[in-house]
């Protein structure tokens, strides 16, 4: 299944919010802000949440990489940079970046061949 850019972004943010085992209210607000600013009417969240909820934790990275690639092929550099800003807002929302969150952010940088600034 290929995900469109809006769904792929949503999946990446939700996975990022859950990899440390704690999806808190501050992280949820960042996800909601991303949807509101970028794709308010394009995502059926109930369906997307069922897909993500059905994923075993050990398949999170595989799915994250898949949707990151789906996003990559449908986006501009500017859109990817905008998304990365949301990803950073999300992982910093609870005032700590976990080892797991860092691994996923690094994977995103590698997959999208982004320069670390």
PDB file of N, CA and C in Angstrom:
ATOM      1  N   UNK A   1       0.836  -1.179   0.000  1.00  0.00           N
ATOM      2  CA  UNK A   1       0.000   0.000   0.000  1.00  0.00           C
ATOM      3  C   UNK A   1       0.882   1.245   0.000  1.00  0.00           C
ATOM      4  N   UNK A   2       0.592   2.145  -0.912  1.00  0.00           N
ATOM      5  CA  UNK A   2       1.327   3.412  -0.975  1.00  0.00           C
ATOM      6  C   UNK A   2       0.489   4.477  -0.270  1.00  0.00           C
ATOM      7  N   UNK A   3       1.147   5.254   0.585  1.00  0.00           N
ATOM      8  CA  UNK A   3       0.469   6.297   1.334  1.00  0.00           C
ATOM      9  C   UNK A   3       0.714   7.640   0.674  1.00  0.00           C
ATOM     10  N   UNK A   4      -0.350   8.469   0.607  1.00  0.00           N
ATOM     11  CA  UNK A   4      -0.111   9.803   0.076  1.00  0.00           C
ATOM     12  C   UNK A   4       0.645  10.617   1.118  1.00  0.00           C
ATOM     13  N   UNK A   5       1.105  11.771   0.690  1.00  0.00           N
ATOM     14  CA  UNK A   5       1.984  12.603   1.519  1.00  0.00           C
ATOM     15  C   UNK A   5       1.361  12.923   2.880  1.00  0.00           C
ATOM     16  N   UNK A   6       0.091  13.266   2.900  1.00  0.00           N
ATOM     17  CA  UNK A   6      -0.549  13.636   4.164  1.00  0.00           C
ATOM     18  C   UNK A   6      -0.621  12.455   5.125  1.00  0.00           C
ATOM     19  N   UNK A   7      -0.997  11.294   4.612  1.00  0.00           N
ATOM     20  CA  UNK A   7      -1.075  10.109   5.475  1.00  0.00           C
ATOM     21  C   UNK A   7       0.323   9.677   5.920  1.00  0.00           C
ATOM     22  N   UNK A   8       1.290   9.737   5.022  1.00  0.00           N
ATOM     23  CA  UNK A   8       2.662   9.353   5.366  1.00  0.00           C
ATOM     24  C   UNK A   8       3.202  10.241   6.485  1.00  0.00           C
ATOM     25  N   UNK A   9       2.977  11.553   6.376  1.00  0.00           N
ATOM     26  CA  UNK A   9       3.418  12.467   7.426  1.00  0.00           C
ATOM     27  C   UNK A   9       2.759  12.155   8.760  1.00  0.00           C
ATOM     28  N   UNK A  10       1.473  11.887   8.723  1.00  0.00           N
ATOM     29  CA  UNK A  10       0.757  11.541   9.947  1.00  0.00           C
ATOM     30  C   UNK A  10       1.345  10.280  10.578  1.00  0.00           C
ATOM     31  N   UNK A  11       1.560   9.254   9.771  1.00  0.00           N
ATOM     32  CA  UNK A  11       2.128   7.997  10.282  1.00  0.00           C
ATOM     33  C   UNK A  11       3.494   8.233  10.920  1.00  0.00           C
ATOM     34  N   UNK A  12       4.341   9.009  10.251  1.00  0.00           N
ATOM     35  CA  UNK A  12       5.671   9.261  10.814  1.00  0.00           C
ATOM     36  C   UNK A  12       5.576   9.974  12.162  1.00  0.00           C
ATOM     37  N   UNK A  13       4.720  10.974  12.258  1.00  0.00           N
ATOM     38  CA  UNK A  13       4.602  11.706  13.520  1.00  0.00           C
ATOM     39  C   UNK A  13       4.046  10.830  14.637  1.00  0.00           C
ATOM     40  N   UNK A  14       3.041  10.025  14.327  1.00  0.00           N
ATOM     41  CA  UNK A  14       2.471   9.152  15.366  1.00  0.00           C
ATOM     42  C   UNK A  14       3.505   8.131  15.825  1.00  0.00           C
ATOM     43  N   UNK A  15       4.235   7.550  14.905  1.00  0.00           N
ATOM     44  CA  UNK A  15       5.275   6.593  15.291  1.00  0.00           C
ATOM     45  C   UNK A  15       6.333   7.286  16.144  1.00  0.00           C
ATOM     46  N   UNK A  16       6.762   8.475  15.724  1.00  0.00           N
ATOM     47  CA  UNK A  16       7.743   9.227  16.525  1.00  0.00           C
ATOM     48  C   UNK A  16       7.222   9.482  17.940  1.00  0.00           C
ATOM     49  N   UNK A  17       5.937   9.730  18.047  1.00  0.00           N
ATOM     50  CA  UNK A  17       5.373  10.032  19.364  1.00  0.00           C
ATOM     51  C   UNK A  17       5.261   8.794  20.239  1.00  0.00           C
ATOM     52  N   UNK A  18       5.245   7.628  19.632  1.00  0.00           N
ATOM     53  CA  UNK A  18       5.044   6.397  20.398  1.00  0.00           C
ATOM     54  C   UNK A  18       6.311   5.592  20.652  1.00  0.00           C
ATOM     55  N   UNK A  19       7.405   5.868  19.959  1.00  0.00           N
ATOM     56  CA  UNK A  19       8.590   5.011  20.075  1.00  0.00           C
ATOM     57  C   UNK A  19       9.222   5.023  21.459  1.00  0.00           C
ATOM     58  N   UNK A  20       9.008   6.088  22.210  1.00  0.00           N
ATOM     59  CA  UNK A  20       9.570   6.124  23.566  1.00  0.00           C
ATOM     60  C   UNK A  20       8.615   5.549  24.598  1.00  0.00           C
ATOM     61  N   UNK A  21       7.469   5.014  24.129  1.00  0.00           N
ATOM     62  CA  UNK A  21       6.513   4.392  25.035  1.00  0.00           C
ATOM     63  C   UNK A  21       5.588   5.371  25.737  1.00  0.00           C
ATOM     64  N   UNK A  22       5.648   6.656  25.351  1.00  0.00           N
ATOM     65  CA  UNK A  22       4.855   7.668  26.036  1.00  0.00           C
ATOM     66  C   UNK A  22       4.351   8.701  25.039  1.00  0.00           C
ATOM     67  N   UNK A  23       3.089   8.582  24.639  1.00  0.00           N
ATOM     68  CA  UNK A  23       2.456   9.544  23.727  1.00  0.00           C
ATOM     69  C   UNK A  23       1.711  10.541  24.596  1.00  0.00           C
ATOM     70  N   UNK A  24       2.381  11.655  24.928  1.00  0.00           N
ATOM     71  CA  UNK A  24       1.762  12.590  25.872  1.00  0.00           C
ATOM     72  C   UNK A  24       0.975  13.688  25.170  1.00  0.00           C
ATOM     73  N   UNK A  25       0.283  14.498  25.947  1.00  0.00           N
ATOM     74  CA  UNK A  25      -0.613  15.530  25.425  1.00  0.00           C
ATOM     75  C   UNK A  25       0.125  16.563  24.578  1.00  0.00           C
ATOM     76  N   UNK A  26       1.327  16.927  24.965  1.00  0.00           N
ATOM     77  CA  UNK A  26       2.097  17.916  24.202  1.00  0.00           C
ATOM     78  C   UNK A  26       2.434  17.379  22.807  1.00  0.00           C
ATOM     79  N   UNK A  27       2.763  16.101  22.726  1.00  0.00           N
ATOM     80  CA  UNK A  27       3.060  15.487  21.432  1.00  0.00           C
ATOM     81  C   UNK A  27       1.797  15.426  20.570  1.00  0.00           C
ATOM     82  N   UNK A  28       0.684  15.095  21.202  1.00  0.00           N
ATOM     83  CA  UNK A  28      -0.592  15.025  20.482  1.00  0.00           C
ATOM     84  C   UNK A  28      -0.932  16.383  19.869  1.00  0.00           C
ATOM     85  N   UNK A  29      -0.655  17.471  20.594  1.00  0.00           N
ATOM     86  CA  UNK A  29      -0.929  18.816  20.072  1.00  0.00           C
ATOM     87  C   UNK A  29      -0.100  19.108  18.831  1.00  0.00           C
ATOM     88  N   UNK A  30       1.144  18.647  18.802  1.00  0.00           N
ATOM     89  CA  UNK A  30       2.000  18.863  17.630  1.00  0.00           C
ATOM     90  C   UNK A  30       1.434  18.108  16.429  1.00  0.00           C
ATOM     91  N   UNK A  31       0.997  16.881  16.639  1.00  0.00           N
ATOM     92  CA  UNK A  31       0.406  16.091  15.550  1.00  0.00           C
ATOM     93  C   UNK A  31      -0.850  16.794  15.034  1.00  0.00           C
ATOM     94  N   UNK A  32      -1.691  17.243  15.944  1.00  0.00           N
ATOM     95  CA  UNK A  32      -2.920  17.939  15.545  1.00  0.00           C
ATOM     96  C   UNK A  32      -2.602  19.225  14.789  1.00  0.00           C
ATOM     97  N   UNK A  33      -1.587  19.953  15.233  1.00  0.00           N
ATOM     98  CA  UNK A  33      -1.182  21.193  14.559  1.00  0.00           C
ATOM     99  C   UNK A  33      -0.712  20.892  13.140  1.00  0.00           C
ATOM    100  N   UNK A  34       0.064  19.824  12.977  1.00  0.00           N
ATOM    101  CA  UNK A  34       0.544  19.441  11.649  1.00  0.00           C
ATOM    102  C   UNK A  34      -0.636  19.162  10.719  1.00  0.00           C
ATOM    103  N   UNK A  35      -1.594  18.394  11.197  1.00  0.00           N
ATOM    104  CA  UNK A  35      -2.758  18.064  10.366  1.00  0.00           C
ATOM    105  C   UNK A  35      -3.530  19.331  10.015  1.00  0.00           C
ATOM    106  N   UNK A  36      -3.764  20.162  11.008  1.00  0.00           N
ATOM    107  CA  UNK A  36      -4.530  21.398  10.794  1.00  0.00           C
ATOM    108  C   UNK A  36      -3.851  22.311   9.775  1.00  0.00           C
ATOM    109  N   UNK A  37      -2.539  22.462   9.873  1.00  0.00           N
ATOM    110  CA  UNK A  37      -1.807  23.358   8.984  1.00  0.00           C
ATOM    111  C   UNK A  37      -1.573  22.794   7.589  1.00  0.00           C
ATOM    112  N   UNK A  38      -1.507  21.491   7.483  1.00  0.00           N
ATOM    113  CA  UNK A  38      -1.084  20.898   6.216  1.00  0.00           C
ATOM    114  C   UNK A  38      -2.139  20.109   5.470  1.00  0.00           C
ATOM    115  N   UNK A  39      -2.952  19.385   6.171  1.00  0.00           N
ATOM    116  CA  UNK A  39      -3.874  18.478   5.484  1.00  0.00           C
ATOM    117  C   UNK A  39      -5.168  18.300   6.288  1.00  0.00           C
ATOM    118  N   UNK A  40      -5.885  19.378   6.579  1.00  0.00           N
ATOM    119  CA  UNK A  40      -7.011  19.277   7.503  1.00  0.00           C
ATOM    120  C   UNK A  40      -8.134  18.338   7.083  1.00  0.00           C
ATOM    121  N   UNK A  41      -8.384  18.159   5.795  1.00  0.00           N
ATOM    122  CA  UNK A  41      -9.528  17.339   5.410  1.00  0.00           C
ATOM    123  C   UNK A  41      -9.154  16.097   4.613  1.00  0.00           C
ATOM    124  N   UNK A  42      -7.864  15.820   4.510  1.00  0.00           N
ATOM    125  CA  UNK A  42      -7.449  14.723   3.644  1.00  0.00           C
ATOM    126  C   UNK A  42      -7.252  13.394   4.359  1.00  0.00           C
ATOM    127  N   UNK A  43      -7.242  13.403   5.681  1.00  0.00           N
ATOM    128  CA  UNK A  43      -6.891  12.188   6.398  1.00  0.00           C
ATOM    129  C   UNK A  43      -8.076  11.671   7.200  1.00  0.00           C
ATOM    130  N   UNK A  44      -8.414  10.407   6.999  1.00  0.00           N
ATOM    131  CA  UNK A  44      -9.388   9.743   7.856  1.00  0.00           C
ATOM    132  C   UNK A  44      -8.584   9.157   9.020  1.00  0.00           C
ATOM    133  N   UNK A  45      -8.555   9.879  10.140  1.00  0.00           N
ATOM    134  CA  UNK A  45      -7.689   9.500  11.256  1.00  0.00           C
ATOM    135  C   UNK A  45      -8.063   8.153  11.852  1.00  0.00           C
ATOM    136  N   UNK A  46      -9.326   7.837  11.850  1.00  0.00           N
ATOM    137  CA  UNK A  46      -9.753   6.551  12.415  1.00  0.00           C
ATOM    138  C   UNK A  46      -9.118   5.388  11.662  1.00  0.00           C
ATOM    139  N   UNK A  47      -9.151   5.468  10.344  1.00  0.00           N
ATOM    140  CA  UNK A  47      -8.552   4.412   9.514  1.00  0.00           C
ATOM    141  C   UNK A  47      -7.036   4.379   9.720  1.00  0.00           C
ATOM    142  N   UNK A  48      -6.404   5.539   9.707  1.00  0.00           N
ATOM    143  CA  UNK A  48      -4.955   5.588   9.867  1.00  0.00           C
ATOM    144  C   UNK A  48      -4.523   5.067  11.236  1.00  0.00           C
ATOM    145  N   UNK A  49      -5.281   5.416  12.268  1.00  0.00           N
ATOM    146  CA  UNK A  49      -4.942   4.930  13.615  1.00  0.00           C
ATOM    147  C   UNK A  49      -5.083   3.421  13.721  1.00  0.00           C
ATOM    148  N   UNK A  50      -6.068   2.844  13.023  1.00  0.00           N
ATOM    149  CA  UNK A  50      -6.204   1.379  13.035  1.00  0.00           C
ATOM    150  C   UNK A  50      -4.992   0.718  12.386  1.00  0.00           C
ATOM    151  N   UNK A  51      -4.504   1.317  11.297  1.00  0.00           N
ATOM    152  CA  UNK A  51      -3.319   0.769  10.617  1.00  0.00           C
ATOM    153  C   UNK A  51      -2.117   0.812  11.562  1.00  0.00           C
ATOM    154  N   UNK A  52      -1.904   1.958  12.193  1.00  0.00           N
ATOM    155  CA  UNK A  52      -0.752   2.115  13.088  1.00  0.00           C
ATOM    156  C   UNK A  52      -0.891   1.225  14.319  1.00  0.00           C
ATOM    157  N   UNK A  53      -2.093   1.178  14.898  1.00  0.00           N
ATOM    158  CA  UNK A  53      -2.321   0.353  16.090  1.00  0.00           C
ATOM    159  C   UNK A  53      -2.086  -1.134  15.821  1.00  0.00           C
ATOM    160  N   UNK A  54      -2.314  -1.555  14.589  1.00  0.00           N
ATOM    161  CA  UNK A  54      -2.125  -2.971  14.242  1.00  0.00           C
ATOM    162  C   UNK A  54      -0.658  -3.338  14.054  1.00  0.00           C
ATOM    163  N   UNK A  55       0.209  -2.333  13.976  1.00  0.00           N
ATOM    164  CA  UNK A  55       1.642  -2.602  13.773  1.00  0.00           C
ATOM    165  C   UNK A  55       2.298  -3.066  15.064  1.00  0.00           C
ATOM    166  N   UNK A  56       2.964  -4.206  15.043  1.00  0.00           N
ATOM    167  CA  UNK A  56       3.779  -4.564  16.207  1.00  0.00           C
ATOM    168  C   UNK A  56       4.934  -3.575  16.336  1.00  0.00           C
ATOM    169  N   UNK A  57       5.339  -3.263  17.542  1.00  0.00           N
ATOM    170  CA  UNK A  57       6.403  -2.281  17.781  1.00  0.00           C
ATOM    171  C   UNK A  57       7.681  -2.628  17.010  1.00  0.00           C
ATOM    172  N   UNK A  58       7.955  -3.912  16.849  1.00  0.00           N
ATOM    173  CA  UNK A  58       9.185  -4.298  16.149  1.00  0.00           C
ATOM    174  C   UNK A  58       9.121  -3.976  14.648  1.00  0.00           C
ATOM    175  N   UNK A  59       7.947  -3.613  14.130  1.00  0.00           N
ATOM    176  CA  UNK A  59       7.843  -3.224  12.727  1.00  0.00           C
ATOM    177  C   UNK A  59       7.727  -1.710  12.538  1.00  0.00           C
ATOM    178  N   UNK A  60       7.820  -0.947  13.630  1.00  0.00           N
ATOM    179  CA  UNK A  60       7.716   0.505  13.534  1.00  0.00           C
ATOM    180  C   UNK A  60       8.753   1.085  12.577  1.00  0.00           C
ATOM    181  N   UNK A  61       9.998   0.697  12.699  1.00  0.00           N
ATOM    182  CA  UNK A  61      11.039   1.276  11.847  1.00  0.00           C
ATOM    183  C   UNK A  61      10.803   0.936  10.384  1.00  0.00           C
ATOM    184  N   UNK A  62      10.441  -0.286  10.111  1.00  0.00           N
ATOM    185  CA  UNK A  62      10.176  -0.683   8.726  1.00  0.00           C
ATOM    186  C   UNK A  62       9.044   0.166   8.134  1.00  0.00           C
ATOM    187  N   UNK A  63       7.976   0.342   8.902  1.00  0.00           N
ATOM    188  CA  UNK A  63       6.848   1.146   8.428  1.00  0.00           C
ATOM    189  C   UNK A  63       7.253   2.621   8.315  1.00  0.00           C
ATOM    190  N   UNK A  64       7.998   3.119   9.298  1.00  0.00           N
ATOM    191  CA  UNK A  64       8.469   4.498   9.286  1.00  0.00           C
ATOM    192  C   UNK A  64       9.277   4.766   8.018  1.00  0.00           C
ATOM    193  N   UNK A  65      10.181   3.866   7.676  1.00  0.00           N
ATOM    194  CA  UNK A  65      10.998   4.029   6.479  1.00  0.00           C
ATOM    195  C   UNK A  65      10.146   3.982   5.214  1.00  0.00           C
ATOM    196  N   UNK A  66       9.149   3.114   5.198  1.00  0.00           N
ATOM    197  CA  UNK A  66       8.262   2.994   4.043  1.00  0.00           C
ATOM    198  C   UNK A  66       7.487   4.283   3.821  1.00  0.00           C
ATOM    199  N   UNK A  67       6.856   4.818   4.887  1.00  0.00           N
ATOM    200  CA  UNK A  67       6.061   6.040   4.715  1.00  0.00           C
ATOM    201  C   UNK A  67       6.963   7.258   4.481  1.00  0.00           C
ATOM    202  N   UNK A  68       8.175   7.240   5.043  1.00  0.00           N
ATOM    203  CA  UNK A  68       9.128   8.327   4.772  1.00  0.00           C
ATOM    204  C   UNK A  68       9.486   8.346   3.288  1.00  0.00           C
ATOM    205  N   UNK A  69       9.655   7.179   2.689  1.00  0.00           N
ATOM    206  CA  UNK A  69       9.942   7.108   1.254  1.00  0.00           C
ATOM    207  C   UNK A  69       8.730   7.539   0.432  1.00  0.00           C
ATOM    208  N   UNK A  70       7.515   7.153   0.866  1.00  0.00           N
ATOM    209  CA  UNK A  70       6.304   7.611   0.182  1.00  0.00           C
ATOM    210  C   UNK A  70       6.239   9.141   0.209  1.00  0.00           C
ATOM    211  N   UNK A  71       6.526   9.732   1.367  1.00  0.00           N
ATOM    212  CA  UNK A  71       6.518  11.192   1.511  1.00  0.00           C
ATOM    213  C   UNK A  71       7.586  11.813   0.613  1.00  0.00           C
ATOM    214  N   UNK A  72       8.763  11.225   0.625  1.00  0.00           N
ATOM    215  CA  UNK A  72       9.884  11.747  -0.161  1.00  0.00           C
ATOM    216  C   UNK A  72       9.517  11.909  -1.625  1.00  0.00           C
ATOM    217  N   UNK A  73       8.933  10.894  -2.215  1.00  0.00           N
ATOM    218  CA  UNK A  73       8.674  10.904  -3.656  1.00  0.00           C
ATOM    219  C   UNK A  73       7.520  11.824  -4.038  1.00  0.00           C
ATOM    220  N   UNK A  74       6.770  12.320  -3.046  1.00  0.00           N
ATOM    221  CA  UNK A  74       5.627  13.197  -3.347  1.00  0.00           C
ATOM    222  C   UNK A  74       5.841  14.629  -2.864  1.00  0.00           C
ATOM    223  N   UNK A  75       7.014  14.936  -2.367  1.00  0.00           N
ATOM    224  CA  UNK A  75       7.208  16.235  -1.715  1.00  0.00           C
ATOM    225  C   UNK A  75       8.381  17.003  -2.321  1.00  0.00           C
ATOM    226  N   UNK A  76       8.366  18.292  -2.039  1.00  0.00           N
ATOM    227  CA  UNK A  76       9.476  19.150  -2.418  1.00  0.00           C
ATOM    228  C   UNK A  76      10.462  19.208  -1.244  1.00  0.00           C
ATOM    229  N   UNK A  77      11.635  19.724  -1.499  1.00  0.00           N
ATOM    230  CA  UNK A  77      12.613  19.912  -0.423  1.00  0.00           C
ATOM    231  C   UNK A  77      12.031  20.799   0.666  1.00  0.00           C
ATOM    232  N   UNK A  78      11.334  21.841   0.265  1.00  0.00           N
ATOM    233  CA  UNK A  78      10.716  22.746   1.239  1.00  0.00           C
ATOM    234  C   UNK A  78       9.699  22.009   2.117  1.00  0.00           C
ATOM    235  N   UNK A  79       8.890  21.153   1.528  1.00  0.00           N
ATOM    236  CA  UNK A  79       7.899  20.378   2.302  1.00  0.00           C
ATOM    237  C   UNK A  79       8.586  19.411   3.258  1.00  0.00           C
ATOM    238  N   UNK A  80       9.679  18.808   2.824  1.00  0.00           N
ATOM    239  CA  UNK A  80      10.407  17.890   3.712  1.00  0.00           C
ATOM    240  C   UNK A  80      11.026  18.654   4.881  1.00  0.00           C
ATOM    241  N   UNK A  81      11.596  19.809   4.605  1.00  0.00           N
ATOM    242  CA  UNK A  81      12.169  20.613   5.684  1.00  0.00           C
ATOM    243  C   UNK A  81      11.082  21.062   6.661  1.00  0.00           C
ATOM    244  N   UNK A  82       9.934  21.434   6.133  1.00  0.00           N
ATOM    245  CA  UNK A  82       8.797  21.826   6.979  1.00  0.00           C
ATOM    246  C   UNK A  82       8.380  20.649   7.871  1.00  0.00           C
ATOM    247  N   UNK A  83       8.329  19.460   7.272  1.00  0.00           N
ATOM    248  CA  UNK A  83       7.959  18.277   8.053  1.00  0.00           C
ATOM    249  C   UNK A  83       8.985  17.999   9.150  1.00  0.00           C
ATOM    250  N   UNK A  84      10.261  18.099   8.818  1.00  0.00           N
ATOM    251  CA  UNK A  84      11.319  17.843   9.805  1.00  0.00           C
ATOM    252  C   UNK A  84      11.179  18.800  10.986  1.00  0.00           C
ATOM    253  N   UNK A  85      10.797  20.042  10.724  1.00  0.00           N
ATOM    254  CA  UNK A  85      10.553  20.982  11.824  1.00  0.00           C
ATOM    255  C   UNK A  85       9.450  20.473  12.749  1.00  0.00           C
ATOM    256  N   UNK A  86       8.384  19.924  12.175  1.00  0.00           N
ATOM    257  CA  UNK A  86       7.326  19.338  12.999  1.00  0.00           C
ATOM    258  C   UNK A  86       7.844  18.131  13.771  1.00  0.00           C
ATOM    259  N   UNK A  87       8.654  17.311  13.119  1.00  0.00           N
ATOM    260  CA  UNK A  87       9.206  16.132  13.795  1.00  0.00           C
ATOM    261  C   UNK A  87      10.034  16.557  15.011  1.00  0.00           C
ATOM    262  N   UNK A  88      10.838  17.587  14.855  1.00  0.00           N
ATOM    263  CA  UNK A  88      11.632  18.078  15.984  1.00  0.00           C
ATOM    264  C   UNK A  88      10.755  18.673  17.079  1.00  0.00           C
ATOM    265  N   UNK A  89       9.725  19.422  16.674  1.00  0.00           N
ATOM    266  CA  UNK A  89       8.783  19.957  17.676  1.00  0.00           C
ATOM    267  C   UNK A  89       8.173  18.814  18.484  1.00  0.00           C
ATOM    268  N   UNK A  90       7.830  17.737  17.783  1.00  0.00           N
ATOM    269  CA  UNK A  90       7.190  16.604  18.432  1.00  0.00           C
ATOM    270  C   UNK A  90       8.136  15.934  19.423  1.00  0.00           C
ATOM    271  N   UNK A  91       9.347  15.625  19.006  1.00  0.00           N
ATOM    272  CA  UNK A  91      10.246  14.895  19.914  1.00  0.00           C
ATOM    273  C   UNK A  91      10.709  15.757  21.076  1.00  0.00           C
ATOM    274  N   UNK A  92      10.645  17.086  20.916  1.00  0.00           N
ATOM    275  CA  UNK A  92      11.027  17.977  22.011  1.00  0.00           C
ATOM    276  C   UNK A  92       9.831  18.402  22.866  1.00  0.00           C
ATOM    277  N   UNK A  93       8.624  18.019  22.469  1.00  0.00           N
ATOM    278  CA  UNK A  93       7.414  18.476  23.151  1.00  0.00           C
ATOM    279  C   UNK A  93       7.368  18.081  24.626  1.00  0.00           C
ATOM    280  N   UNK A  94       7.913  16.913  24.945  1.00  0.00           N
ATOM    281  CA  UNK A  94       7.908  16.465  26.346  1.00  0.00           C
ATOM    282  C   UNK A  94       9.206  16.847  27.069  1.00  0.00           C
ATOM    283  N   UNK A  95       9.986  17.734  26.451  1.00  0.00           N
ATOM    284  CA  UNK A  95      11.216  18.299  27.028  1.00  0.00           C
ATOM    285  C   UNK A  95      12.353  17.308  27.179  1.00  0.00           C
ATOM    286  N   UNK A  96      12.281  16.204  26.436  1.00  0.00           N
ATOM    287  CA  UNK A  96      13.411  15.275  26.402  1.00  0.00           C
ATOM    288  C   UNK A  96      13.335  14.487  25.098  1.00  0.00           C
ATOM    289  N   UNK A  97      14.488  14.267  24.505  1.00  0.00           N
ATOM    290  CA  UNK A  97      14.547  13.454  23.296  1.00  0.00           C
ATOM    291  C   UNK A  97      15.111  12.100  23.700  1.00  0.00           C
ATOM    292  N   UNK A  98      14.274  11.089  23.564  1.00  0.00           N
ATOM    293  CA  UNK A  98      14.700   9.749  23.973  1.00  0.00           C
ATOM    294  C   UNK A  98      15.659   9.160  22.938  1.00  0.00           C
ATOM    295  N   UNK A  99      16.352   8.121  23.350  1.00  0.00           N
ATOM    296  CA  UNK A  99      17.266   7.405  22.453  1.00  0.00           C
ATOM    297  C   UNK A  99      16.502   6.900  21.229  1.00  0.00           C
ATOM    298  N   UNK A 100      15.295   6.368  21.455  1.00  0.00           N
ATOM    299  CA  UNK A 100      14.485   5.833  20.358  1.00  0.00           C
ATOM    300  C   UNK A 100      14.075   6.939  19.391  1.00  0.00           C
ATOM    301  N   UNK A 101      13.643   8.079  19.931  1.00  0.00           N
ATOM    302  CA  UNK A 101      13.254   9.192  19.061  1.00  0.00           C
ATOM    303  C   UNK A 101      14.441   9.660  18.231  1.00  0.00           C
ATOM    304  N   UNK A 102      15.602   9.714  18.829  1.00  0.00           N
ATOM    305  CA  UNK A 102      16.808  10.129  18.117  1.00  0.00           C
ATOM    306  C   UNK A 102      17.134   9.165  16.973  1.00  0.00           C
ATOM    307  N   UNK A 103      16.954   7.897  17.204  1.00  0.00           N
ATOM    308  CA  UNK A 103      17.208   6.891  16.161  1.00  0.00           C
ATOM    309  C   UNK A 103      16.299   7.138  14.956  1.00  0.00           C
ATOM    310  N   UNK A 104      15.030   7.444  15.213  1.00  0.00           N
ATOM    311  CA  UNK A 104      14.085   7.670  14.122  1.00  0.00           C
ATOM    312  C   UNK A 104      14.367   8.983  13.390  1.00  0.00           C
ATOM    313  N   UNK A 105      14.722  10.026  14.115  1.00  0.00           N
ATOM    314  CA  UNK A 105      15.084  11.288  13.481  1.00  0.00           C
ATOM    315  C   UNK A 105      16.326  11.083  12.610  1.00  0.00           C
ATOM    316  N   UNK A 106      17.312  10.362  13.129  1.00  0.00           N
ATOM    317  CA  UNK A 106      18.509  10.056  12.327  1.00  0.00           C
ATOM    318  C   UNK A 106      18.141   9.278  11.069  1.00  0.00           C
ATOM    319  N   UNK A 107      17.230   8.316  11.201  1.00  0.00           N
ATOM    320  CA  UNK A 107      16.804   7.529  10.043  1.00  0.00           C
ATOM    321  C   UNK A 107      16.156   8.432   8.998  1.00  0.00           C
ATOM    322  N   UNK A 108      15.349   9.378   9.452  1.00  0.00           N
ATOM    323  CA  UNK A 108      14.702  10.308   8.528  1.00  0.00           C
ATOM    324  C   UNK A 108      15.739  11.152   7.782  1.00  0.00           C
ATOM    325  N   UNK A 109      16.720  11.648   8.502  1.00  0.00           N
ATOM    326  CA  UNK A 109      17.794  12.414   7.861  1.00  0.00           C
ATOM    327  C   UNK A 109      18.533  11.565   6.824  1.00  0.00           C
ATOM    328  N   UNK A 110      18.799  10.323   7.161  1.00  0.00           N
ATOM    329  CA  UNK A 110      19.495   9.431   6.220  1.00  0.00           C
ATOM    330  C   UNK A 110      18.638   9.111   5.000  1.00  0.00           C
ATOM    331  N   UNK A 111      17.368   8.797   5.226  1.00  0.00           N
ATOM    332  CA  UNK A 111      16.485   8.443   4.128  1.00  0.00           C
ATOM    333  C   UNK A 111      16.279   9.604   3.158  1.00  0.00           C
ATOM    334  N   UNK A 112      16.202  10.803   3.698  1.00  0.00           N
ATOM    335  CA  UNK A 112      15.946  11.981   2.871  1.00  0.00           C
ATOM    336  C   UNK A 112      17.231  12.706   2.490  1.00  0.00           C
ATOM    337  N   UNK A 113      18.369  12.179   2.900  1.00  0.00           N
ATOM    338  CA  UNK A 113      19.660  12.751   2.579  1.00  0.00           C
ATOM    339  C   UNK A 113      19.724  14.240   2.954  1.00  0.00           C
ATOM    340  N   UNK A 114      19.307  14.509   4.189  1.00  0.00           N
ATOM    341  CA  UNK A 114      19.298  15.883   4.711  1.00  0.00           C
ATOM    342  C   UNK A 114      20.618  16.195   5.369  1.00  0.00           C
ATOM    343  N   UNK A 115      21.020  17.435   5.286  1.00  0.00           N
ATOM    344  CA  UNK A 115      22.249  17.884   5.934  1.00  0.00           C
ATOM    345  C   UNK A 115      21.934  18.253   7.379  1.00  0.00           C
ATOM    346  N   UNK A 116      22.784  17.845   8.277  1.00  0.00           N
ATOM    347  CA  UNK A 116      22.642  18.223   9.678  1.00  0.00           C
ATOM    348  C   UNK A 116      23.196  19.632   9.831  1.00  0.00           C
ATOM    349  N   UNK A 117      22.352  20.514  10.367  1.00  0.00           N
ATOM    350  CA  UNK A 117      22.785  21.917  10.510  1.00  0.00           C
ATOM    351  C   UNK A 117      23.154  22.217  11.940  1.00  0.00           C
TER     352      UNK A 117
END
